[in-house]
Amino acid sequence: MEVVYKNTHQELIEQCRQGNQRAQAELYKMYYKAMYNTSLRILNRTADAEDIMQDSFLDAFRHLHEYRGTANFGAWLKRIVINNSLDTLKKNSGLTFVEEYDHEIPLDDTEQEDISPRVEEIRLAIGELPSDLRVVLSLYLLEGYDHEEIAEILNISNSTSRIRYFRAKNKLLEIIKESRIRQFII
């Protein structure tokens, strides 16, 4: 038996199901920034993220009859945005999320030093990550998905998600260190 989620915006959602454009605009205002940021973290391109955000809202309103209320509406919408973003990323980059060699991830990160980079520095560094690493890092750290959920979304194994996350963290530290070294040289 599915548990129905008590959505705080249920009345608005019902109005949207009936084609009420004012209700659709209200839902859009509530969620567009979060959905844009979700797409931007995956695609790393503002124009693409804007397109995906718009398309995802259209998809959501077109398929609102499929929303069963078993999860928060925002989570349901975010899943649409993530799927559309990943489809665009695959199409534009030829990227396929294939399985990687399975091996143990070192648990001890002995080279990790105490760094306190600024938020903008981290945002720029995340943008420099290869797509496959950036997607896993974004889904895990910024969107709050666990590795099992990421594996399901990307059609990879749980361990591949963990490996990519570990590699993304290390690459991110490397990019930040190089950026700081460049600042001292200039």
N, C-alpha and C. Protein backbone atom coordinates (compact mmCIF):
# COMPACT_ATOMS: atom_id res chain seq x y z
N MET A 1 0.83 -1.18 0.00
CA MET A 1 0.00 0.00 0.00
C MET A 1 0.88 1.25 0.00
N GLU A 2 0.66 2.14 -0.98
CA GLU A 2 1.43 3.36 -1.08
C GLU A 2 0.92 4.38 -0.08
N VAL A 3 1.87 5.04 0.56
CA VAL A 3 1.52 6.09 1.50
C VAL A 3 1.40 7.39 0.71
N VAL A 4 0.32 8.09 0.89
CA VAL A 4 0.13 9.36 0.19
C VAL A 4 0.75 10.47 1.03
N TYR A 5 1.59 11.26 0.37
CA TYR A 5 2.28 12.36 1.02
C TYR A 5 1.33 13.54 1.16
N LYS A 6 1.24 14.12 2.34
CA LYS A 6 0.39 15.29 2.57
C LYS A 6 1.14 16.52 2.07
N ASN A 7 0.81 16.96 0.86
CA ASN A 7 1.47 18.09 0.24
C ASN A 7 0.83 19.38 0.69
N THR A 8 1.66 20.34 1.10
CA THR A 8 1.13 21.62 1.58
C THR A 8 0.52 22.44 0.46
N HIS A 9 0.85 22.12 -0.78
CA HIS A 9 0.33 22.85 -1.93
C HIS A 9 -0.69 22.04 -2.72
N GLN A 10 -1.35 21.10 -2.07
CA GLN A 10 -2.25 20.19 -2.76
C GLN A 10 -3.38 20.92 -3.49
N GLU A 11 -3.92 21.94 -2.87
CA GLU A 11 -5.01 22.68 -3.51
C GLU A 11 -4.52 23.35 -4.81
N LEU A 12 -3.32 23.90 -4.75
CA LEU A 12 -2.72 24.52 -5.93
C LEU A 12 -2.47 23.48 -7.03
N ILE A 13 -2.01 22.32 -6.63
CA ILE A 13 -1.76 21.23 -7.58
C ILE A 13 -3.06 20.80 -8.25
N GLU A 14 -4.11 20.70 -7.46
CA GLU A 14 -5.43 20.34 -8.02
C GLU A 14 -5.90 21.38 -9.03
N GLN A 15 -5.68 22.65 -8.72
CA GLN A 15 -6.06 23.71 -9.65
C GLN A 15 -5.25 23.61 -10.95
N CYS A 16 -3.97 23.26 -10.82
CA CYS A 16 -3.12 23.08 -12.00
C CYS A 16 -3.63 21.91 -12.85
N ARG A 17 -4.07 20.86 -12.21
CA ARG A 17 -4.62 19.71 -12.93
C ARG A 17 -5.85 20.10 -13.76
N GLN A 18 -6.55 21.10 -13.28
CA GLN A 18 -7.74 21.58 -14.00
C GLN A 18 -7.39 22.62 -15.06
N GLY A 19 -6.07 22.88 -15.23
CA GLY A 19 -5.63 23.81 -16.27
C GLY A 19 -5.61 25.27 -15.87
N ASN A 20 -5.69 25.55 -14.59
CA ASN A 20 -5.67 26.92 -14.09
C ASN A 20 -4.28 27.51 -14.27
N GLN A 21 -4.14 28.47 -15.19
CA GLN A 21 -2.84 29.06 -15.50
C GLN A 21 -2.29 29.90 -14.35
N ARG A 22 -3.15 30.52 -13.60
CA ARG A 22 -2.71 31.32 -12.45
C ARG A 22 -2.07 30.39 -11.40
N ALA A 23 -2.65 29.23 -11.18
CA ALA A 23 -2.10 28.25 -10.24
C ALA A 23 -0.77 27.72 -10.77
N GLN A 24 -0.67 27.50 -12.08
CA GLN A 24 0.59 27.04 -12.67
C GLN A 24 1.68 28.09 -12.47
N ALA A 25 1.34 29.34 -12.66
CA ALA A 25 2.31 30.43 -12.46
C ALA A 25 2.76 30.48 -11.00
N GLU A 26 1.85 30.23 -10.09
CA GLU A 26 2.18 30.24 -8.67
C GLU A 26 3.14 29.10 -8.32
N LEU A 27 2.85 27.90 -8.81
CA LEU A 27 3.76 26.77 -8.58
C LEU A 27 5.13 27.04 -9.21
N TYR A 28 5.12 27.61 -10.39
CA TYR A 28 6.36 27.96 -11.08
C TYR A 28 7.20 28.90 -10.21
N LYS A 29 6.55 29.95 -9.67
CA LYS A 29 7.26 30.92 -8.83
C LYS A 29 7.87 30.25 -7.59
N MET A 30 7.18 29.27 -7.07
CA MET A 30 7.66 28.58 -5.86
C MET A 30 8.91 27.74 -6.13
N TYR A 31 9.00 27.15 -7.32
CA TYR A 31 10.02 26.15 -7.56
C TYR A 31 11.06 26.48 -8.63
N TYR A 32 10.89 27.56 -9.41
CA TYR A 32 11.75 27.73 -10.57
C TYR A 32 13.22 27.94 -10.20
N LYS A 33 13.52 28.67 -9.14
CA LYS A 33 14.92 28.92 -8.77
C LYS A 33 15.62 27.61 -8.39
N ALA A 34 14.97 26.83 -7.57
CA ALA A 34 15.56 25.56 -7.13
C ALA A 34 15.77 24.61 -8.31
N MET A 35 14.80 24.58 -9.21
CA MET A 35 14.90 23.67 -10.36
C MET A 35 15.97 24.15 -11.35
N TYR A 36 16.07 25.46 -11.53
CA TYR A 36 17.13 26.02 -12.38
C TYR A 36 18.49 25.66 -11.80
N ASN A 37 18.68 25.86 -10.50
CA ASN A 37 19.96 25.56 -9.86
C ASN A 37 20.31 24.07 -9.94
N THR A 38 19.31 23.23 -9.81
CA THR A 38 19.53 21.79 -9.94
C THR A 38 20.06 21.47 -11.33
N SER A 39 19.43 22.00 -12.34
CA SER A 39 19.85 21.74 -13.73
C SER A 39 21.22 22.35 -14.00
N LEU A 40 21.45 23.55 -13.50
CA LEU A 40 22.74 24.22 -13.72
C LEU A 40 23.90 23.42 -13.12
N ARG A 41 23.69 22.83 -11.96
CA ARG A 41 24.75 22.05 -11.33
C ARG A 41 25.09 20.81 -12.16
N ILE A 42 24.13 20.30 -12.89
CA ILE A 42 24.39 19.12 -13.72
C ILE A 42 24.97 19.52 -15.07
N LEU A 43 24.39 20.53 -15.70
CA LEU A 43 24.77 20.90 -17.07
C LEU A 43 25.92 21.89 -17.15
N ASN A 44 26.04 22.74 -16.14
CA ASN A 44 27.12 23.72 -16.09
C ASN A 44 27.02 24.77 -17.19
N ARG A 45 25.84 24.97 -17.73
CA ARG A 45 25.62 26.00 -18.76
C ARG A 45 24.28 26.67 -18.48
N THR A 46 24.33 28.00 -18.32
CA THR A 46 23.12 28.72 -17.92
C THR A 46 22.00 28.59 -18.96
N ALA A 47 22.33 28.74 -20.23
CA ALA A 47 21.28 28.68 -21.27
C ALA A 47 20.61 27.31 -21.28
N ASP A 48 21.40 26.24 -21.20
CA ASP A 48 20.83 24.89 -21.17
C ASP A 48 19.99 24.68 -19.93
N ALA A 49 20.47 25.18 -18.79
CA ALA A 49 19.73 25.01 -17.53
C ALA A 49 18.39 25.74 -17.60
N GLU A 50 18.37 26.93 -18.19
CA GLU A 50 17.12 27.67 -18.34
C GLU A 50 16.14 26.89 -19.23
N ASP A 51 16.65 26.37 -20.35
CA ASP A 51 15.80 25.58 -21.26
C ASP A 51 15.24 24.35 -20.56
N ILE A 52 16.09 23.63 -19.85
CA ILE A 52 15.66 22.42 -19.16
C ILE A 52 14.64 22.74 -18.09
N MET A 53 14.87 23.82 -17.36
CA MET A 53 13.92 24.20 -16.31
C MET A 53 12.55 24.48 -16.92
N GLN A 54 12.52 25.24 -18.01
CA GLN A 54 11.25 25.54 -18.68
C GLN A 54 10.58 24.27 -19.20
N ASP A 55 11.37 23.45 -19.90
CA ASP A 55 10.83 22.20 -20.46
C ASP A 55 10.31 21.27 -19.35
N SER A 56 11.02 21.25 -18.24
CA SER A 56 10.61 20.38 -17.14
C SER A 56 9.29 20.81 -16.53
N PHE A 57 9.07 22.12 -16.41
CA PHE A 57 7.78 22.59 -15.93
C PHE A 57 6.67 22.23 -16.90
N LEU A 58 6.94 22.39 -18.20
CA LEU A 58 5.95 22.00 -19.20
C LEU A 58 5.63 20.51 -19.09
N ASP A 59 6.69 19.69 -18.96
CA ASP A 59 6.49 18.25 -18.78
C ASP A 59 5.67 17.96 -17.54
N ALA A 60 6.01 18.63 -16.45
CA ALA A 60 5.30 18.39 -15.18
C ALA A 60 3.82 18.75 -15.31
N PHE A 61 3.52 19.89 -15.90
CA PHE A 61 2.12 20.29 -16.04
C PHE A 61 1.38 19.38 -17.01
N ARG A 62 2.08 18.92 -18.04
CA ARG A 62 1.47 18.01 -19.02
C ARG A 62 1.18 16.64 -18.41
N HIS A 63 2.02 16.23 -17.45
CA HIS A 63 1.90 14.89 -16.85
C HIS A 63 1.46 14.94 -15.39
N LEU A 64 0.86 16.03 -15.00
CA LEU A 64 0.45 16.20 -13.60
C LEU A 64 -0.52 15.12 -13.16
N HIS A 65 -1.25 14.55 -14.10
CA HIS A 65 -2.18 13.46 -13.76
C HIS A 65 -1.42 12.22 -13.26
N GLU A 66 -0.12 12.13 -13.57
CA GLU A 66 0.70 11.00 -13.12
C GLU A 66 1.25 11.20 -11.71
N TYR A 67 1.19 12.43 -11.20
CA TYR A 67 1.66 12.70 -9.84
C TYR A 67 0.65 12.10 -8.87
N ARG A 68 1.10 11.10 -8.12
CA ARG A 68 0.21 10.35 -7.23
C ARG A 68 0.22 10.84 -5.79
N GLY A 69 1.10 11.78 -5.48
CA GLY A 69 1.15 12.30 -4.12
C GLY A 69 1.87 11.39 -3.14
N THR A 70 2.68 10.45 -3.65
CA THR A 70 3.44 9.56 -2.75
C THR A 70 4.75 10.20 -2.33
N ALA A 71 5.06 11.38 -2.87
CA ALA A 71 6.25 12.14 -2.50
C ALA A 71 5.90 13.61 -2.58
N ASN A 72 6.73 14.43 -2.02
CA ASN A 72 6.59 15.87 -2.09
C ASN A 72 6.58 16.28 -3.56
N PHE A 73 5.75 17.25 -3.92
CA PHE A 73 5.68 17.72 -5.31
C PHE A 73 7.03 18.22 -5.79
N GLY A 74 7.75 18.94 -4.94
CA GLY A 74 9.07 19.45 -5.31
C GLY A 74 10.04 18.33 -5.64
N ALA A 75 9.99 17.24 -4.90
CA ALA A 75 10.86 16.10 -5.17
C ALA A 75 10.49 15.45 -6.50
N TRP A 76 9.19 15.35 -6.78
CA TRP A 76 8.73 14.79 -8.05
C TRP A 76 9.19 15.66 -9.21
N LEU A 77 9.05 16.97 -9.07
CA LEU A 77 9.48 17.92 -10.10
C LEU A 77 11.00 17.87 -10.27
N LYS A 78 11.72 17.78 -9.17
CA LYS A 78 13.19 17.73 -9.24
C LYS A 78 13.65 16.50 -10.01
N ARG A 79 12.96 15.40 -9.83
CA ARG A 79 13.32 14.18 -10.57
C ARG A 79 13.15 14.39 -12.07
N ILE A 80 12.11 15.11 -12.46
CA ILE A 80 11.90 15.43 -13.88
C ILE A 80 13.05 16.30 -14.38
N VAL A 81 13.42 17.31 -13.61
CA VAL A 81 14.52 18.21 -13.97
C VAL A 81 15.83 17.44 -14.10
N ILE A 82 16.11 16.58 -13.15
CA ILE A 82 17.35 15.80 -13.19
C ILE A 82 17.37 14.89 -14.41
N ASN A 83 16.27 14.19 -14.66
CA ASN A 83 16.22 13.29 -15.82
C ASN A 83 16.38 14.07 -17.13
N ASN A 84 15.71 15.21 -17.26
CA ASN A 84 15.85 16.03 -18.47
C ASN A 84 17.26 16.58 -18.61
N SER A 85 17.87 16.97 -17.50
CA SER A 85 19.24 17.49 -17.52
C SER A 85 20.22 16.41 -17.95
N LEU A 86 20.05 15.21 -17.40
CA LEU A 86 20.94 14.11 -17.77
C LEU A 86 20.77 13.72 -19.23
N ASP A 87 19.54 13.73 -19.72
CA ASP A 87 19.31 13.44 -21.14
C ASP A 87 20.01 14.45 -22.03
N THR A 88 19.92 15.72 -21.66
CA THR A 88 20.59 16.78 -22.43
C THR A 88 22.10 16.64 -22.35
N LEU A 89 22.60 16.34 -21.17
CA LEU A 89 24.05 16.16 -21.00
C LEU A 89 24.54 15.02 -21.87
N LYS A 90 23.83 13.91 -21.88
CA LYS A 90 24.22 12.77 -22.70
C LYS A 90 24.17 13.13 -24.18
N LYS A 91 23.12 13.81 -24.59
CA LYS A 91 22.94 14.16 -26.00
C LYS A 91 24.01 15.14 -26.47
N ASN A 92 24.31 16.16 -25.66
CA ASN A 92 25.25 17.20 -26.05
C ASN A 92 26.71 16.78 -25.96
N SER A 93 27.02 15.86 -25.08
CA SER A 93 28.42 15.51 -24.89
C SER A 93 28.75 14.12 -25.38
N GLY A 94 27.74 13.38 -25.79
CA GLY A 94 27.99 12.00 -26.18
C GLY A 94 28.33 11.13 -24.98
N LEU A 95 28.10 11.67 -23.79
CA LEU A 95 28.44 10.97 -22.55
C LEU A 95 27.48 9.83 -22.31
N THR A 96 28.03 8.70 -21.96
CA THR A 96 27.20 7.59 -21.52
C THR A 96 27.69 7.20 -20.13
N PHE A 97 26.76 6.87 -19.29
CA PHE A 97 27.11 6.49 -17.92
C PHE A 97 27.35 4.99 -17.89
N VAL A 98 28.59 4.61 -18.16
CA VAL A 98 28.93 3.20 -18.21
C VAL A 98 29.55 2.78 -16.89
N GLU A 99 29.51 1.48 -16.66
CA GLU A 99 30.11 0.94 -15.45
C GLU A 99 31.62 1.12 -15.49
N GLU A 100 32.21 1.34 -14.35
CA GLU A 100 33.65 1.46 -14.24
C GLU A 100 34.20 0.23 -13.54
N TYR A 101 35.50 0.07 -13.61
CA TYR A 101 36.19 -1.01 -12.92
C TYR A 101 35.87 -0.92 -11.44
N ASP A 102 35.40 -2.00 -10.88
CA ASP A 102 35.04 -2.05 -9.46
C ASP A 102 36.28 -2.30 -8.62
N HIS A 103 36.59 -1.40 -7.72
CA HIS A 103 37.69 -1.62 -6.79
C HIS A 103 37.39 -0.89 -5.50
N GLU A 104 38.17 -1.18 -4.49
CA GLU A 104 37.94 -0.59 -3.18
C GLU A 104 38.29 0.89 -3.21
N ILE A 105 37.52 1.67 -2.50
CA ILE A 105 37.79 3.09 -2.36
C ILE A 105 38.57 3.28 -1.07
N PRO A 106 39.73 3.94 -1.15
CA PRO A 106 40.49 4.17 0.07
C PRO A 106 39.67 4.99 1.06
N LEU A 107 39.64 4.55 2.29
CA LEU A 107 38.86 5.25 3.30
C LEU A 107 39.65 6.37 3.95
N ASP A 108 40.99 6.25 3.95
CA ASP A 108 41.84 7.24 4.59
C ASP A 108 42.33 8.23 3.55
N ASP A 109 41.97 9.48 3.70
CA ASP A 109 42.37 10.52 2.77
C ASP A 109 43.50 11.31 3.42
N THR A 110 44.71 10.74 3.43
CA THR A 110 45.82 11.31 4.18
C THR A 110 46.33 12.63 3.65
N GLU A 111 46.12 12.91 2.37
CA GLU A 111 46.62 14.17 1.82
C GLU A 111 45.65 15.33 2.04
N GLN A 112 44.50 15.04 2.57
CA GLN A 112 43.51 16.09 2.75
C GLN A 112 44.01 17.10 3.77
N GLU A 113 44.08 18.36 3.33
CA GLU A 113 44.52 19.40 4.24
C GLU A 113 43.35 20.32 4.55
N ASP A 114 43.53 21.10 5.58
CA ASP A 114 42.46 21.99 5.99
C ASP A 114 42.40 23.19 5.06
N ILE A 115 41.41 23.19 4.17
CA ILE A 115 41.23 24.33 3.27
C ILE A 115 39.84 24.90 3.48
N SER A 116 39.76 26.19 3.39
CA SER A 116 38.46 26.86 3.56
C SER A 116 38.21 27.77 2.37
N PRO A 117 37.96 27.17 1.21
CA PRO A 117 37.76 27.99 0.01
C PRO A 117 36.43 28.73 0.06
N ARG A 118 36.39 29.82 -0.63
CA ARG A 118 35.17 30.60 -0.72
C ARG A 118 34.14 29.86 -1.57
N VAL A 119 32.88 30.18 -1.37
CA VAL A 119 31.78 29.51 -2.07
C VAL A 119 31.94 29.66 -3.59
N GLU A 120 32.27 30.85 -4.05
CA GLU A 120 32.42 31.08 -5.49
C GLU A 120 33.57 30.25 -6.06
N GLU A 121 34.61 30.11 -5.30
CA GLU A 121 35.76 29.31 -5.72
C GLU A 121 35.35 27.84 -5.88
N ILE A 122 34.55 27.36 -4.97
CA ILE A 122 34.06 25.97 -5.05
C ILE A 122 33.12 25.82 -6.23
N ARG A 123 32.22 26.77 -6.43
CA ARG A 123 31.28 26.71 -7.55
C ARG A 123 32.03 26.64 -8.88
N LEU A 124 33.04 27.48 -9.03
CA LEU A 124 33.84 27.48 -10.26
C LEU A 124 34.60 26.17 -10.42
N ALA A 125 35.13 25.66 -9.33
CA ALA A 125 35.88 24.40 -9.37
C ALA A 125 34.96 23.24 -9.75
N ILE A 126 33.75 23.21 -9.22
CA ILE A 126 32.80 22.16 -9.58
C ILE A 126 32.51 22.21 -11.07
N GLY A 127 32.43 23.42 -11.62
CA GLY A 127 32.20 23.59 -13.04
C GLY A 127 33.30 23.04 -13.92
N GLU A 128 34.50 22.91 -13.36
CA GLU A 128 35.64 22.37 -14.11
C GLU A 128 35.71 20.84 -14.09
N LEU A 129 34.92 20.22 -13.25
CA LEU A 129 34.94 18.76 -13.17
C LEU A 129 34.40 18.14 -14.45
N PRO A 130 34.91 16.97 -14.83
CA PRO A 130 34.31 16.25 -15.96
C PRO A 130 32.84 15.93 -15.63
N SER A 131 32.02 15.87 -16.66
CA SER A 131 30.58 15.72 -16.47
C SER A 131 30.20 14.54 -15.59
N ASP A 132 30.81 13.38 -15.81
CA ASP A 132 30.40 12.20 -15.03
C ASP A 132 30.69 12.38 -13.54
N LEU A 133 31.78 13.08 -13.21
CA LEU A 133 32.10 13.32 -11.80
C LEU A 133 31.23 14.44 -11.23
N ARG A 134 31.04 15.50 -12.01
CA ARG A 134 30.22 16.64 -11.57
C ARG A 134 28.79 16.20 -11.27
N VAL A 135 28.24 15.34 -12.10
CA VAL A 135 26.85 14.89 -11.92
C VAL A 135 26.71 14.14 -10.60
N VAL A 136 27.59 13.19 -10.35
CA VAL A 136 27.50 12.41 -9.11
C VAL A 136 27.71 13.31 -7.89
N LEU A 137 28.71 14.18 -7.95
CA LEU A 137 28.97 15.09 -6.84
C LEU A 137 27.76 15.98 -6.57
N SER A 138 27.17 16.53 -7.62
CA SER A 138 26.01 17.40 -7.46
C SER A 138 24.81 16.65 -6.90
N LEU A 139 24.56 15.46 -7.44
CA LEU A 139 23.41 14.69 -6.94
C LEU A 139 23.60 14.30 -5.48
N TYR A 140 24.83 13.95 -5.10
CA TYR A 140 25.07 13.50 -3.73
C TYR A 140 25.12 14.68 -2.75
N LEU A 141 25.99 15.64 -3.02
CA LEU A 141 26.19 16.73 -2.06
C LEU A 141 25.11 17.80 -2.10
N LEU A 142 24.70 18.16 -3.29
CA LEU A 142 23.82 19.32 -3.41
C LEU A 142 22.35 18.95 -3.49
N GLU A 143 22.04 17.80 -4.06
CA GLU A 143 20.64 17.40 -4.19
C GLU A 143 20.20 16.43 -3.10
N GLY A 144 21.16 15.86 -2.38
CA GLY A 144 20.83 15.01 -1.24
C GLY A 144 20.47 13.57 -1.55
N TYR A 145 20.78 13.10 -2.76
CA TYR A 145 20.53 11.71 -3.09
C TYR A 145 21.63 10.84 -2.48
N ASP A 146 21.28 9.61 -2.10
CA ASP A 146 22.31 8.68 -1.64
C ASP A 146 22.84 7.90 -2.85
N HIS A 147 23.89 7.12 -2.62
CA HIS A 147 24.54 6.43 -3.74
C HIS A 147 23.63 5.40 -4.40
N GLU A 148 22.75 4.80 -3.64
CA GLU A 148 21.81 3.85 -4.22
C GLU A 148 20.86 4.55 -5.19
N GLU A 149 20.37 5.72 -4.79
CA GLU A 149 19.47 6.49 -5.66
C GLU A 149 20.21 7.00 -6.90
N ILE A 150 21.44 7.47 -6.71
CA ILE A 150 22.24 7.95 -7.83
C ILE A 150 22.49 6.81 -8.81
N ALA A 151 22.81 5.64 -8.29
CA ALA A 151 23.05 4.48 -9.14
C ALA A 151 21.82 4.17 -9.98
N GLU A 152 20.64 4.27 -9.38
CA GLU A 152 19.40 4.01 -10.11
C GLU A 152 19.15 5.08 -11.17
N ILE A 153 19.36 6.35 -10.81
CA ILE A 153 19.13 7.45 -11.74
C ILE A 153 20.05 7.35 -12.95
N LEU A 154 21.34 7.05 -12.71
CA LEU A 154 22.34 7.04 -13.78
C LEU A 154 22.51 5.66 -14.42
N ASN A 155 21.82 4.67 -13.88
CA ASN A 155 21.94 3.30 -14.39
C ASN A 155 23.38 2.79 -14.27
N ILE A 156 23.96 2.99 -13.10
CA ILE A 156 25.30 2.50 -12.78
C ILE A 156 25.22 1.75 -11.47
N SER A 157 26.30 1.11 -11.08
CA SER A 157 26.29 0.39 -9.81
C SER A 157 26.49 1.35 -8.65
N ASN A 158 26.11 0.91 -7.49
CA ASN A 158 26.29 1.67 -6.26
C ASN A 158 27.77 1.99 -6.06
N SER A 159 28.64 1.01 -6.29
CA SER A 159 30.08 1.24 -6.09
C SER A 159 30.64 2.21 -7.12
N THR A 160 30.11 2.21 -8.33
CA THR A 160 30.56 3.18 -9.34
C THR A 160 30.19 4.59 -8.90
N SER A 161 29.02 4.76 -8.32
CA SER A 161 28.62 6.07 -7.80
C SER A 161 29.60 6.51 -6.71
N ARG A 162 29.95 5.60 -5.83
CA ARG A 162 30.88 5.94 -4.75
C ARG A 162 32.27 6.28 -5.29
N ILE A 163 32.72 5.54 -6.28
CA ILE A 163 34.03 5.78 -6.89
C ILE A 163 34.04 7.16 -7.54
N ARG A 164 33.01 7.47 -8.29
CA ARG A 164 32.94 8.77 -8.96
C ARG A 164 32.88 9.91 -7.95
N TYR A 165 32.16 9.70 -6.86
CA TYR A 165 32.09 10.71 -5.82
C TYR A 165 33.47 10.93 -5.20
N PHE A 166 34.16 9.85 -4.89
CA PHE A 166 35.51 9.94 -4.32
C PHE A 166 36.45 10.66 -5.28
N ARG A 167 36.39 10.31 -6.55
CA ARG A 167 37.24 10.96 -7.57
C ARG A 167 36.88 12.43 -7.71
N ALA A 168 35.60 12.73 -7.67
CA ALA A 168 35.16 14.13 -7.80
C ALA A 168 35.68 14.96 -6.64
N LYS A 169 35.61 14.44 -5.42
CA LYS A 169 36.13 15.17 -4.25
C LYS A 169 37.62 15.43 -4.41
N ASN A 170 38.38 14.40 -4.80
CA ASN A 170 39.82 14.56 -4.96
C ASN A 170 40.16 15.55 -6.07
N LYS A 171 39.45 15.45 -7.19
CA LYS A 171 39.68 16.36 -8.31
C LYS A 171 39.31 17.78 -7.92
N LEU A 172 38.25 17.94 -7.16
CA LEU A 172 37.82 19.26 -6.69
C LEU A 172 38.91 19.89 -5.82
N LEU A 173 39.47 19.12 -4.90
CA LEU A 173 40.56 19.63 -4.06
C LEU A 173 41.76 20.02 -4.91
N GLU A 174 42.07 19.20 -5.91
CA GLU A 174 43.19 19.47 -6.81
C GLU A 174 42.96 20.78 -7.58
N ILE A 175 41.77 20.98 -8.10
CA ILE A 175 41.43 22.19 -8.86
C ILE A 175 41.55 23.42 -7.96
N ILE A 176 41.07 23.32 -6.73
CA ILE A 176 41.12 24.44 -5.80
C ILE A 176 42.56 24.77 -5.44
N LYS A 177 43.37 23.74 -5.19
CA LYS A 177 44.79 23.96 -4.88
C LYS A 177 45.51 24.63 -6.05
N GLU A 178 45.27 24.16 -7.26
CA GLU A 178 45.90 24.75 -8.45
C GLU A 178 45.46 26.20 -8.62
N SER A 179 44.19 26.47 -8.36
CA SER A 179 43.67 27.83 -8.47
C SER A 179 44.36 28.75 -7.49
N ARG A 180 44.58 28.28 -6.30
CA ARG A 180 45.25 29.10 -5.28
C ARG A 180 46.72 29.31 -5.63
N ILE A 181 47.36 28.31 -6.19
CA ILE A 181 48.76 28.45 -6.60
C ILE A 181 48.85 29.49 -7.73
N ARG A 182 47.93 29.42 -8.70
CA ARG A 182 47.92 30.39 -9.80
C ARG A 182 47.74 31.81 -9.28
N GLN A 183 46.95 31.98 -8.23
CA GLN A 183 46.74 33.31 -7.67
C GLN A 183 48.04 33.88 -7.09
N PHE A 184 48.88 33.02 -6.51
CA PHE A 184 50.13 33.48 -5.94
C PHE A 184 51.16 33.82 -7.02
N ILE A 185 51.09 33.13 -8.14
CA ILE A 185 52.05 33.34 -9.22
C ILE A 185 51.73 34.65 -9.97
N ILE A 186 50.47 34.93 -10.11
CA ILE A 186 50.05 36.11 -10.89
C ILE A 186 50.31 37.38 -10.18
